[in-house]
Amino acid sequence: MAGYEEWVKTVPAELSGDPLWQVKAYRLALFANPLAWQDVGKLVQDKRVIGLTDQLYRASGSVAANIAEGYSHRSGKDQARFYEYSLGSAREARVWYYQARHVLSEAVVEHRLHTL
């Protein structure tokens, strides 16, 4: 998987042209989700951690989805609620990554924990 800067260059104009693209947390969440997909592919092969694979991918995907949902609301209270959901999903994904550290390399887990 390419690094963040290389990945940004491949993002379609439909995403990068949206005003939401200016929200850095949204860009990082979009970058983190394909990383989680790649990691889930490795984790699903180990029966000891198969139960957390779906949880990890769902939590990772939920970060960007909730940021986008919050961005679309006019009410600051509604925006804050969805941003809070996003933070919760990021924390949850970090827990799943930490639990998967025995299967994924330490370098991978450390990178993901800093990305989320």
Protein backbone atom coordinates (compact mmCIF):
# COMPACT_ATOMS: atom_id res chain seq x y z
CA MET A 1 0.00 0.00 0.00
CA ALA A 2 1.31 3.41 -0.95
CA GLY A 3 1.98 6.08 1.63
CA TYR A 4 -0.47 8.86 2.33
CA GLU A 5 1.06 11.38 -0.11
CA GLU A 6 1.06 8.84 -2.96
CA TRP A 7 -2.48 7.78 -2.12
CA VAL A 8 -3.77 11.39 -2.19
CA LYS A 9 -2.64 11.66 -5.82
CA THR A 10 -4.86 8.70 -6.78
CA VAL A 11 -8.08 9.98 -5.21
CA PRO A 12 -10.80 10.64 -7.81
CA ALA A 13 -11.89 14.24 -8.43
CA GLU A 14 -15.38 13.38 -7.14
CA LEU A 15 -13.85 13.06 -3.65
CA SER A 16 -10.99 15.54 -3.78
CA GLY A 17 -13.23 18.23 -5.30
CA ASP A 18 -15.78 18.01 -2.49
CA PRO A 19 -15.47 20.71 0.20
CA LEU A 20 -15.43 17.90 2.76
CA TRP A 21 -12.00 16.96 1.38
CA GLN A 22 -10.60 20.00 3.19
CA VAL A 23 -11.28 18.26 6.53
CA LYS A 24 -7.97 16.55 7.28
CA ALA A 25 -9.54 13.94 9.58
CA TYR A 26 -11.80 12.87 6.70
CA ARG A 27 -8.85 12.44 4.32
CA LEU A 28 -6.92 10.42 6.89
CA ALA A 29 -9.96 8.24 7.61
CA LEU A 30 -10.38 7.52 3.89
CA PHE A 31 -6.70 6.56 3.76
CA ALA A 32 -6.95 4.34 6.85
CA ASN A 33 -9.88 2.30 5.56
CA PRO A 34 -8.02 0.61 2.66
CA LEU A 35 -5.20 -0.12 5.09
CA ALA A 36 -7.69 -1.86 7.36
CA TRP A 37 -9.01 -3.83 4.38
CA GLN A 38 -5.49 -5.01 3.61
CA ASP A 39 -4.93 -5.95 7.26
CA VAL A 40 -8.25 -7.78 7.50
CA GLY A 41 -7.15 -9.91 4.55
CA LYS A 42 -4.19 -11.06 6.60
CA LEU A 43 -6.08 -11.40 9.88
CA VAL A 44 -8.89 -13.51 8.45
CA GLN A 45 -6.37 -16.26 7.74
CA ASP A 46 -5.64 -16.70 11.46
CA LYS A 47 -8.52 -18.42 13.25
CA ARG A 48 -7.47 -16.95 16.61
CA VAL A 49 -8.45 -13.43 15.54
CA ILE A 50 -11.13 -14.08 12.95
CA GLY A 51 -13.78 -12.67 15.28
CA LEU A 52 -12.23 -9.22 15.33
CA THR A 53 -11.73 -8.85 11.58
CA ASP A 54 -15.26 -7.66 10.84
CA GLN A 55 -15.22 -5.39 13.89
CA LEU A 56 -11.96 -3.81 12.76
CA TYR A 57 -13.15 -3.14 9.23
CA ARG A 58 -16.51 -1.77 10.34
CA ALA A 59 -14.96 0.53 12.94
CA SER A 60 -12.38 1.79 10.45
CA GLY A 61 -15.02 2.52 7.80
CA SER A 62 -17.28 4.19 10.31
CA VAL A 63 -14.75 6.94 11.01
CA ALA A 64 -14.99 8.58 7.56
CA ALA A 65 -18.70 7.82 7.23
CA ASN A 66 -19.54 9.63 10.46
CA ILE A 67 -17.33 12.60 9.62
CA ALA A 68 -19.13 12.90 6.28
CA GLU A 69 -22.53 12.56 7.93
CA GLY A 70 -21.68 15.19 10.54
CA TYR A 71 -20.37 17.55 7.86
CA SER A 72 -23.71 17.37 6.05
CA HIS A 73 -25.72 18.64 9.04
CA ARG A 74 -26.32 22.33 9.55
CA SER A 75 -26.83 22.17 13.29
CA GLY A 76 -23.60 22.38 15.27
CA LYS A 77 -25.15 20.00 17.80
CA ASP A 78 -25.83 17.40 15.09
CA GLN A 79 -22.35 17.85 13.65
CA ALA A 80 -20.77 17.38 17.05
CA ARG A 81 -22.79 14.21 17.67
CA PHE A 82 -21.54 12.58 14.46
CA TYR A 83 -17.97 13.76 15.04
CA GLU A 84 -18.21 12.17 18.48
CA TYR A 85 -19.39 8.93 16.85
CA SER A 86 -16.38 9.14 14.53
CA LEU A 87 -14.01 9.54 17.46
CA GLY A 88 -15.62 6.54 19.11
CA SER A 89 -15.12 4.46 15.98
CA ALA A 90 -11.48 5.54 15.75
CA ARG A 91 -10.95 4.50 19.36
CA GLU A 92 -12.68 1.19 18.70
CA ALA A 93 -10.51 0.52 15.63
CA ARG A 94 -7.43 1.23 17.74
CA VAL A 95 -8.56 -1.40 20.27
CA TRP A 96 -9.06 -3.98 17.51
CA TYR A 97 -5.64 -3.19 16.08
CA TYR A 98 -4.07 -3.53 19.50
CA GLN A 99 -5.72 -6.93 19.93
CA ALA A 100 -4.45 -8.01 16.50
CA ARG A 101 -0.86 -7.02 17.29
CA HIS A 102 0.19 -10.64 17.71
CA VAL A 103 -0.71 -11.45 14.12
CA LEU A 104 0.17 -8.17 12.41
CA SER A 105 3.70 -6.92 12.82
CA GLU A 106 4.50 -4.34 15.48
CA ALA A 107 5.41 -1.86 12.73
CA VAL A 108 2.00 -2.28 11.07
CA VAL A 109 0.10 -1.86 14.33
CA GLU A 110 2.15 1.18 15.32
CA HIS A 111 1.51 2.80 11.92
CA ARG A 112 -2.24 2.13 12.14
CA LEU A 113 -2.49 3.45 15.69
CA HIS A 114 -0.85 6.69 14.57
CA THR A 115 -3.10 6.93 11.50
CA LEU A 116 -6.35 6.48 13.41
